[in-house]
Amino acid sequence: MATAKEKTTTAEATEAEKVTTKAAPVQAESVYTAEELADNAGNLFGVRTECVAAALKVAGIKECTVSKTKKIVEAFMKKEVK
């Protein structure tokens, strides 16, 4: 049977592993202006410049990452036109 001290050591080791895993370096995604994203709309998102500009304007975003912009543009393009 494990003693109380051994149990604590195991718990501390598990906690240390969690901290080490969380402390792994995370590469932050670059943030671009709405104008930069719109200018590269065709290459990045496969839509016209106006679509990206409108999607970001409706969302009230002036600066954004490419991945977040892609989600916003996809949702905007799926909206029903009234």
PDB file of N, CA and C in Angstrom:
ATOM      1  N   MET A   1       0.840  -1.194   0.000  1.00  0.00           N
ATOM      2  CA  MET A   1       0.000   0.000   0.000  1.00  0.00           C
ATOM      3  C   MET A   1       0.874   1.243   0.000  1.00  0.00           C
ATOM      4  N   ALA A   2       0.351   2.267  -0.630  1.00  0.00           N
ATOM      5  CA  ALA A   2       1.091   3.518  -0.698  1.00  0.00           C
ATOM      6  C   ALA A   2       0.837   4.326   0.557  1.00  0.00           C
ATOM      7  N   THR A   3       1.848   4.990   1.001  1.00  0.00           N
ATOM      8  CA  THR A   3       1.699   5.836   2.179  1.00  0.00           C
ATOM      9  C   THR A   3       1.169   7.190   1.736  1.00  0.00           C
ATOM     10  N   ALA A   4       0.806   8.009   2.698  1.00  0.00           N
ATOM     11  CA  ALA A   4       0.253   9.333   2.397  1.00  0.00           C
ATOM     12  C   ALA A   4       1.270  10.173   1.635  1.00  0.00           C
ATOM     13  N   LYS A   5       2.541  10.030   1.982  1.00  0.00           N
ATOM     14  CA  LYS A   5       3.576  10.816   1.322  1.00  0.00           C
ATOM     15  C   LYS A   5       3.696  10.406  -0.151  1.00  0.00           C
ATOM     16  N   GLU A   6       3.623   9.115  -0.438  1.00  0.00           N
ATOM     17  CA  GLU A   6       3.709   8.642  -1.816  1.00  0.00           C
ATOM     18  C   GLU A   6       2.515   9.121  -2.637  1.00  0.00           C
ATOM     19  N   LYS A   7       1.327   9.137  -2.038  1.00  0.00           N
ATOM     20  CA  LYS A   7       0.144   9.620  -2.728  1.00  0.00           C
ATOM     21  C   LYS A   7       0.283  11.098  -3.072  1.00  0.00           C
ATOM     22  N   THR A   8       0.804  11.876  -2.145  1.00  0.00           N
ATOM     23  CA  THR A   8       1.014  13.301  -2.386  1.00  0.00           C
ATOM     24  C   THR A   8       2.010  13.505  -3.509  1.00  0.00           C
ATOM     25  N   THR A   9       3.075  12.746  -3.512  1.00  0.00           N
ATOM     26  CA  THR A   9       4.096  12.876  -4.547  1.00  0.00           C
ATOM     27  C   THR A   9       3.501  12.561  -5.914  1.00  0.00           C
ATOM     28  N   THR A  10       2.681  11.522  -5.991  1.00  0.00           N
ATOM     29  CA  THR A  10       2.044  11.157  -7.242  1.00  0.00           C
ATOM     30  C   THR A  10       1.100  12.268  -7.699  1.00  0.00           C
ATOM     31  N   ALA A  11       0.340  12.831  -6.786  1.00  0.00           N
ATOM     32  CA  ALA A  11      -0.577  13.911  -7.115  1.00  0.00           C
ATOM     33  C   ALA A  11       0.200  15.137  -7.582  1.00  0.00           C
ATOM     34  N   GLU A  12       1.313  15.428  -6.911  1.00  0.00           N
ATOM     35  CA  GLU A  12       2.133  16.570  -7.311  1.00  0.00           C
ATOM     36  C   GLU A  12       2.735  16.339  -8.690  1.00  0.00           C
ATOM     37  N   ALA A  13       3.156  15.116  -8.974  1.00  0.00           N
ATOM     38  CA  ALA A  13       3.734  14.800 -10.280  1.00  0.00           C
ATOM     39  C   ALA A  13       2.685  14.968 -11.375  1.00  0.00           C
ATOM     40  N   THR A  14       1.468  14.519 -11.104  1.00  0.00           N
ATOM     41  CA  THR A  14       0.390  14.659 -12.071  1.00  0.00           C
ATOM     42  C   THR A  14       0.105  16.131 -12.315  1.00  0.00           C
ATOM     43  N   GLU A  15       0.068  16.921 -11.266  1.00  0.00           N
ATOM     44  CA  GLU A  15      -0.177  18.358 -11.394  1.00  0.00           C
ATOM     45  C   GLU A  15       0.956  19.023 -12.170  1.00  0.00           C
ATOM     46  N   ALA A  16       2.179  18.614 -11.925  1.00  0.00           N
ATOM     47  CA  ALA A  16       3.328  19.172 -12.634  1.00  0.00           C
ATOM     48  C   ALA A  16       3.247  18.842 -14.126  1.00  0.00           C
ATOM     49  N   GLU A  17       2.774  17.637 -14.460  1.00  0.00           N
ATOM     50  CA  GLU A  17       2.613  17.259 -15.870  1.00  0.00           C
ATOM     51  C   GLU A  17       1.577  18.149 -16.553  1.00  0.00           C
ATOM     52  N   LYS A  18       0.487  18.441 -15.842  1.00  0.00           N
ATOM     53  CA  LYS A  18      -0.550  19.301 -16.399  1.00  0.00           C
ATOM     54  C   LYS A  18       0.005  20.694 -16.667  1.00  0.00           C
ATOM     55  N   VAL A  19       0.761  21.227 -15.732  1.00  0.00           N
ATOM     56  CA  VAL A  19       1.335  22.561 -15.882  1.00  0.00           C
ATOM     57  C   VAL A  19       2.320  22.568 -17.036  1.00  0.00           C
ATOM     58  N   THR A  20       3.140  21.540 -17.147  1.00  0.00           N
ATOM     59  CA  THR A  20       4.111  21.467 -18.228  1.00  0.00           C
ATOM     60  C   THR A  20       3.407  21.410 -19.575  1.00  0.00           C
ATOM     61  N   THR A  21       2.329  20.664 -19.663  1.00  0.00           N
ATOM     62  CA  THR A  21       1.586  20.554 -20.907  1.00  0.00           C
ATOM     63  C   THR A  21       0.974  21.895 -21.291  1.00  0.00           C
ATOM     64  N   LYS A  22       0.422  22.605 -20.341  1.00  0.00           N
ATOM     65  CA  LYS A  22      -0.202  23.890 -20.618  1.00  0.00           C
ATOM     66  C   LYS A  22       0.832  24.954 -20.959  1.00  0.00           C
ATOM     67  N   ALA A  23       2.044  24.821 -20.466  1.00  0.00           N
ATOM     68  CA  ALA A  23       3.073  25.825 -20.678  1.00  0.00           C
ATOM     69  C   ALA A  23       3.779  25.666 -22.026  1.00  0.00           C
ATOM     70  N   ALA A  24       3.346  24.706 -22.834  1.00  0.00           N
ATOM     71  CA  ALA A  24       3.959  24.512 -24.145  1.00  0.00           C
ATOM     72  C   ALA A  24       3.773  25.788 -24.966  1.00  0.00           C
ATOM     73  N   PRO A  25       4.791  26.153 -25.737  1.00  0.00           N
ATOM     74  CA  PRO A  25       4.696  27.398 -26.500  1.00  0.00           C
ATOM     75  C   PRO A  25       3.577  27.350 -27.530  1.00  0.00           C
ATOM     76  N   VAL A  26       2.787  28.387 -27.539  1.00  0.00           N
ATOM     77  CA  VAL A  26       1.671  28.493 -28.468  1.00  0.00           C
ATOM     78  C   VAL A  26       1.995  29.636 -29.424  1.00  0.00           C
ATOM     79  N   GLN A  27       1.971  29.334 -30.711  1.00  0.00           N
ATOM     80  CA  GLN A  27       2.262  30.353 -31.693  1.00  0.00           C
ATOM     81  C   GLN A  27       1.009  31.169 -31.946  1.00  0.00           C
ATOM     82  N   ALA A  28       1.070  32.445 -31.632  1.00  0.00           N
ATOM     83  CA  ALA A  28      -0.076  33.324 -31.817  1.00  0.00           C
ATOM     84  C   ALA A  28      -0.258  33.633 -33.295  1.00  0.00           C
ATOM     85  N   GLU A  29      -1.506  33.676 -33.706  1.00  0.00           N
ATOM     86  CA  GLU A  29      -1.817  33.976 -35.102  1.00  0.00           C
ATOM     87  C   GLU A  29      -1.733  35.483 -35.318  1.00  0.00           C
ATOM     88  N   SER A  30      -1.237  35.891 -36.464  1.00  0.00           N
ATOM     89  CA  SER A  30      -1.090  37.306 -36.782  1.00  0.00           C
ATOM     90  C   SER A  30      -2.450  37.980 -36.939  1.00  0.00           C
ATOM     91  N   VAL A  31      -2.506  39.241 -36.551  1.00  0.00           N
ATOM     92  CA  VAL A  31      -3.725  40.032 -36.660  1.00  0.00           C
ATOM     93  C   VAL A  31      -3.534  41.033 -37.798  1.00  0.00           C
ATOM     94  N   TYR A  32      -4.542  41.132 -38.657  1.00  0.00           N
ATOM     95  CA  TYR A  32      -4.492  42.020 -39.812  1.00  0.00           C
ATOM     96  C   TYR A  32      -5.660  43.000 -39.760  1.00  0.00           C
ATOM     97  N   THR A  33      -5.509  44.126 -40.440  1.00  0.00           N
ATOM     98  CA  THR A  33      -6.611  45.088 -40.505  1.00  0.00           C
ATOM     99  C   THR A  33      -7.669  44.556 -41.470  1.00  0.00           C
ATOM    100  N   ALA A  34      -8.860  45.091 -41.345  1.00  0.00           N
ATOM    101  CA  ALA A  34      -9.958  44.685 -42.223  1.00  0.00           C
ATOM    102  C   ALA A  34      -9.601  44.977 -43.679  1.00  0.00           C
ATOM    103  N   GLU A  35      -8.909  46.080 -43.915  1.00  0.00           N
ATOM    104  CA  GLU A  35      -8.524  46.448 -45.280  1.00  0.00           C
ATOM    105  C   GLU A  35      -7.543  45.425 -45.869  1.00  0.00           C
ATOM    106  N   GLU A  36      -6.565  44.989 -45.066  1.00  0.00           N
ATOM    107  CA  GLU A  36      -5.607  43.987 -45.542  1.00  0.00           C
ATOM    108  C   GLU A  36      -6.304  42.670 -45.870  1.00  0.00           C
ATOM    109  N   LEU A  37      -7.230  42.276 -45.018  1.00  0.00           N
ATOM    110  CA  LEU A  37      -7.960  41.031 -45.241  1.00  0.00           C
ATOM    111  C   LEU A  37      -8.832  41.122 -46.491  1.00  0.00           C
ATOM    112  N   ALA A  38      -9.486  42.273 -46.665  1.00  0.00           N
ATOM    113  CA  ALA A  38     -10.343  42.466 -47.840  1.00  0.00           C
ATOM    114  C   ALA A  38      -9.513  42.489 -49.124  1.00  0.00           C
ATOM    115  N   ASP A  39      -8.341  43.116 -49.061  1.00  0.00           N
ATOM    116  CA  ASP A  39      -7.479  43.191 -50.247  1.00  0.00           C
ATOM    117  C   ASP A  39      -7.022  41.818 -50.723  1.00  0.00           C
ATOM    118  N   ASN A  40      -6.935  40.866 -49.809  1.00  0.00           N
ATOM    119  CA  ASN A  40      -6.486  39.511 -50.142  1.00  0.00           C
ATOM    120  C   ASN A  40      -7.620  38.503 -50.091  1.00  0.00           C
ATOM    121  N   ALA A  41      -8.840  38.972 -50.243  1.00  0.00           N
ATOM    122  CA  ALA A  41     -10.031  38.131 -50.118  1.00  0.00           C
ATOM    123  C   ALA A  41     -10.028  36.949 -51.068  1.00  0.00           C
ATOM    124  N   GLY A  42      -9.691  37.170 -52.307  1.00  0.00           N
ATOM    125  CA  GLY A  42      -9.712  36.096 -53.298  1.00  0.00           C
ATOM    126  C   GLY A  42      -8.744  34.979 -52.965  1.00  0.00           C
ATOM    127  N   ASN A  43      -7.542  35.339 -52.559  1.00  0.00           N
ATOM    128  CA  ASN A  43      -6.521  34.336 -52.235  1.00  0.00           C
ATOM    129  C   ASN A  43      -6.805  33.618 -50.925  1.00  0.00           C
ATOM    130  N   LEU A  44      -7.304  34.347 -49.939  1.00  0.00           N
ATOM    131  CA  LEU A  44      -7.501  33.762 -48.608  1.00  0.00           C
ATOM    132  C   LEU A  44      -8.836  33.047 -48.440  1.00  0.00           C
ATOM    133  N   PHE A  45      -9.896  33.642 -48.996  1.00  0.00           N
ATOM    134  CA  PHE A  45     -11.238  33.137 -48.711  1.00  0.00           C
ATOM    135  C   PHE A  45     -12.028  32.720 -49.948  1.00  0.00           C
ATOM    136  N   GLY A  46     -11.526  33.015 -51.124  1.00  0.00           N
ATOM    137  CA  GLY A  46     -12.210  32.629 -52.358  1.00  0.00           C
ATOM    138  C   GLY A  46     -13.461  33.432 -52.648  1.00  0.00           C
ATOM    139  N   VAL A  47     -13.518  34.653 -52.107  1.00  0.00           N
ATOM    140  CA  VAL A  47     -14.665  35.527 -52.353  1.00  0.00           C
ATOM    141  C   VAL A  47     -14.159  36.898 -52.786  1.00  0.00           C
ATOM    142  N   ARG A  48     -15.073  37.744 -53.211  1.00  0.00           N
ATOM    143  CA  ARG A  48     -14.700  39.086 -53.654  1.00  0.00           C
ATOM    144  C   ARG A  48     -14.348  39.978 -52.468  1.00  0.00           C
ATOM    145  N   THR A  49     -13.581  41.005 -52.751  1.00  0.00           N
ATOM    146  CA  THR A  49     -13.150  41.971 -51.740  1.00  0.00           C
ATOM    147  C   THR A  49     -14.335  42.558 -50.981  1.00  0.00           C
ATOM    148  N   GLU A  50     -15.389  42.899 -51.709  1.00  0.00           N
ATOM    149  CA  GLU A  50     -16.560  43.522 -51.110  1.00  0.00           C
ATOM    150  C   GLU A  50     -17.228  42.623 -50.070  1.00  0.00           C
ATOM    151  N   CYS A  51     -17.185  41.315 -50.314  1.00  0.00           N
ATOM    152  CA  CYS A  51     -17.810  40.363 -49.385  1.00  0.00           C
ATOM    153  C   CYS A  51     -17.097  40.367 -48.035  1.00  0.00           C
ATOM    154  N   VAL A  52     -15.780  40.352 -48.058  1.00  0.00           N
ATOM    155  CA  VAL A  52     -15.012  40.365 -46.808  1.00  0.00           C
ATOM    156  C   VAL A  52     -15.198  41.702 -46.101  1.00  0.00           C
ATOM    157  N   ALA A  53     -15.134  42.792 -46.861  1.00  0.00           N
ATOM    158  CA  ALA A  53     -15.315  44.118 -46.261  1.00  0.00           C
ATOM    159  C   ALA A  53     -16.685  44.227 -45.596  1.00  0.00           C
ATOM    160  N   ALA A  54     -17.713  43.762 -46.278  1.00  0.00           N
ATOM    161  CA  ALA A  54     -19.072  43.830 -45.723  1.00  0.00           C
ATOM    162  C   ALA A  54     -19.228  42.929 -44.505  1.00  0.00           C
ATOM    163  N   ALA A  55     -18.682  41.720 -44.566  1.00  0.00           N
ATOM    164  CA  ALA A  55     -18.799  40.778 -43.454  1.00  0.00           C
ATOM    165  C   ALA A  55     -18.139  41.334 -42.193  1.00  0.00           C
ATOM    166  N   LEU A  56     -16.958  41.913 -42.352  1.00  0.00           N
ATOM    167  CA  LEU A  56     -16.259  42.468 -41.190  1.00  0.00           C
ATOM    168  C   LEU A  56     -16.944  43.731 -40.681  1.00  0.00           C
ATOM    169  N   LYS A  57     -17.503  44.527 -41.585  1.00  0.00           N
ATOM    170  CA  LYS A  57     -18.210  45.740 -41.173  1.00  0.00           C
ATOM    171  C   LYS A  57     -19.463  45.396 -40.374  1.00  0.00           C
ATOM    172  N   VAL A  58     -20.221  44.408 -40.859  1.00  0.00           N
ATOM    173  CA  VAL A  58     -21.430  43.977 -40.155  1.00  0.00           C
ATOM    174  C   VAL A  58     -21.075  43.424 -38.769  1.00  0.00           C
ATOM    175  N   ALA A  59     -19.947  42.712 -38.685  1.00  0.00           N
ATOM    176  CA  ALA A  59     -19.512  42.139 -37.415  1.00  0.00           C
ATOM    177  C   ALA A  59     -18.861  43.180 -36.507  1.00  0.00           C
ATOM    178  N   GLY A  60     -18.588  44.367 -37.040  1.00  0.00           N
ATOM    179  CA  GLY A  60     -17.989  45.435 -36.248  1.00  0.00           C
ATOM    180  C   GLY A  60     -16.516  45.194 -35.936  1.00  0.00           C
ATOM    181  N   ILE A  61     -15.816  44.533 -36.847  1.00  0.00           N
ATOM    182  CA  ILE A  61     -14.419  44.170 -36.614  1.00  0.00           C
ATOM    183  C   ILE A  61     -13.506  45.012 -37.502  1.00  0.00           C
ATOM    184  N   LYS A  62     -12.491  45.607 -36.868  1.00  0.00           N
ATOM    185  CA  LYS A  62     -11.523  46.418 -37.612  1.00  0.00           C
ATOM    186  C   LYS A  62     -10.196  45.687 -37.773  1.00  0.00           C
ATOM    187  N   GLU A  63      -9.894  44.781 -36.865  1.00  0.00           N
ATOM    188  CA  GLU A  63      -8.687  43.956 -36.930  1.00  0.00           C
ATOM    189  C   GLU A  63      -9.058  42.537 -36.545  1.00  0.00           C
ATOM    190  N   CYS A  64      -8.444  41.557 -37.247  1.00  0.00           N
ATOM    191  CA  CYS A  64      -8.835  40.171 -37.008  1.00  0.00           C
ATOM    192  C   CYS A  64      -7.762  39.219 -37.533  1.00  0.00           C
ATOM    193  N   THR A  65      -7.837  37.968 -37.084  1.00  0.00           N
ATOM    194  CA  THR A  65      -6.951  36.934 -37.610  1.00  0.00           C
ATOM    195  C   THR A  65      -7.592  36.322 -38.851  1.00  0.00           C
ATOM    196  N   VAL A  66      -6.789  35.627 -39.636  1.00  0.00           N
ATOM    197  CA  VAL A  66      -7.294  35.010 -40.859  1.00  0.00           C
ATOM    198  C   VAL A  66      -8.330  33.934 -40.533  1.00  0.00           C
ATOM    199  N   SER A  67      -8.045  33.100 -39.533  1.00  0.00           N
ATOM    200  CA  SER A  67      -8.974  32.005 -39.216  1.00  0.00           C
ATOM    201  C   SER A  67     -10.319  32.526 -38.717  1.00  0.00           C
ATOM    202  N   LYS A  68     -10.295  33.548 -37.878  1.00  0.00           N
ATOM    203  CA  LYS A  68     -11.550  34.104 -37.374  1.00  0.00           C
ATOM    204  C   LYS A  68     -12.315  34.796 -38.507  1.00  0.00           C
ATOM    205  N   THR A  69     -11.577  35.490 -39.370  1.00  0.00           N
ATOM    206  CA  THR A  69     -12.211  36.153 -40.513  1.00  0.00           C
ATOM    207  C   THR A  69     -12.870  35.133 -41.425  1.00  0.00           C
ATOM    208  N   LYS A  70     -12.200  34.001 -41.620  1.00  0.00           N
ATOM    209  CA  LYS A  70     -12.768  32.954 -42.485  1.00  0.00           C
ATOM    210  C   LYS A  70     -14.114  32.491 -41.940  1.00  0.00           C
ATOM    211  N   LYS A  71     -14.218  32.306 -40.633  1.00  0.00           N
ATOM    212  CA  LYS A  71     -15.479  31.890 -40.021  1.00  0.00           C
ATOM    213  C   LYS A  71     -16.551  32.960 -40.202  1.00  0.00           C
ATOM    214  N   ILE A  72     -16.164  34.214 -40.021  1.00  0.00           N
ATOM    215  CA  ILE A  72     -17.108  35.326 -40.159  1.00  0.00           C
ATOM    216  C   ILE A  72     -17.600  35.431 -41.598  1.00  0.00           C
ATOM    217  N   VAL A  73     -16.690  35.312 -42.550  1.00  0.00           N
ATOM    218  CA  VAL A  73     -17.055  35.410 -43.970  1.00  0.00           C
ATOM    219  C   VAL A  73     -17.959  34.247 -44.376  1.00  0.00           C
ATOM    220  N   GLU A  74     -17.638  33.036 -43.932  1.00  0.00           N
ATOM    221  CA  GLU A  74     -18.473  31.875 -44.267  1.00  0.00           C
ATOM    222  C   GLU A  74     -19.888  32.060 -43.738  1.00  0.00           C
ATOM    223  N   ALA A  75     -20.010  32.533 -42.495  1.00  0.00           N
ATOM    224  CA  ALA A  75     -21.336  32.758 -41.924  1.00  0.00           C
ATOM    225  C   ALA A  75     -22.074  33.862 -42.684  1.00  0.00           C
ATOM    226  N   PHE A  76     -21.357  34.909 -43.056  1.00  0.00           N
ATOM    227  CA  PHE A  76     -21.945  36.024 -43.794  1.00  0.00           C
ATOM    228  C   PHE A  76     -22.443  35.574 -45.161  1.00  0.00           C
ATOM    229  N   MET A  77     -21.666  34.747 -45.838  1.00  0.00           N
ATOM    230  CA  MET A  77     -22.033  34.301 -47.185  1.00  0.00           C
ATOM    231  C   MET A  77     -23.220  33.328 -47.166  1.00  0.00           C
ATOM    232  N   LYS A  78     -23.464  32.685 -46.022  1.00  0.00           N
ATOM    233  CA  LYS A  78     -24.585  31.733 -45.915  1.00  0.00           C
ATOM    234  C   LYS A  78     -25.891  32.424 -45.502  1.00  0.00           C
ATOM    235  N   LYS A  79     -25.797  33.691 -45.123  1.00  0.00           N
ATOM    236  CA  LYS A  79     -27.001  34.411 -44.710  1.00  0.00           C
ATOM    237  C   LYS A  79     -27.957  34.544 -45.888  1.00  0.00           C
ATOM    238  N   GLU A  80     -29.240  34.485 -45.578  1.00  0.00           N
ATOM    239  CA  GLU A  80     -30.264  34.644 -46.608  1.00  0.00           C
ATOM    240  C   GLU A  80     -30.399  36.117 -46.958  1.00  0.00           C
ATOM    241  N   VAL A  81     -30.488  36.368 -48.253  1.00  0.00           N
ATOM    242  CA  VAL A  81     -30.674  37.743 -48.740  1.00  0.00           C
ATOM    243  C   VAL A  81     -32.170  38.029 -48.771  1.00  0.00           C
ATOM    244  N   LYS A  82     -32.557  39.132 -48.181  1.00  0.00           N
ATOM    245  CA  LYS A  82     -33.975  39.480 -48.116  1.00  0.00           C
ATOM    246  C   LYS A  82     -34.300  40.570 -49.094  1.00  0.00           C
TER     247      LYS A  82
END
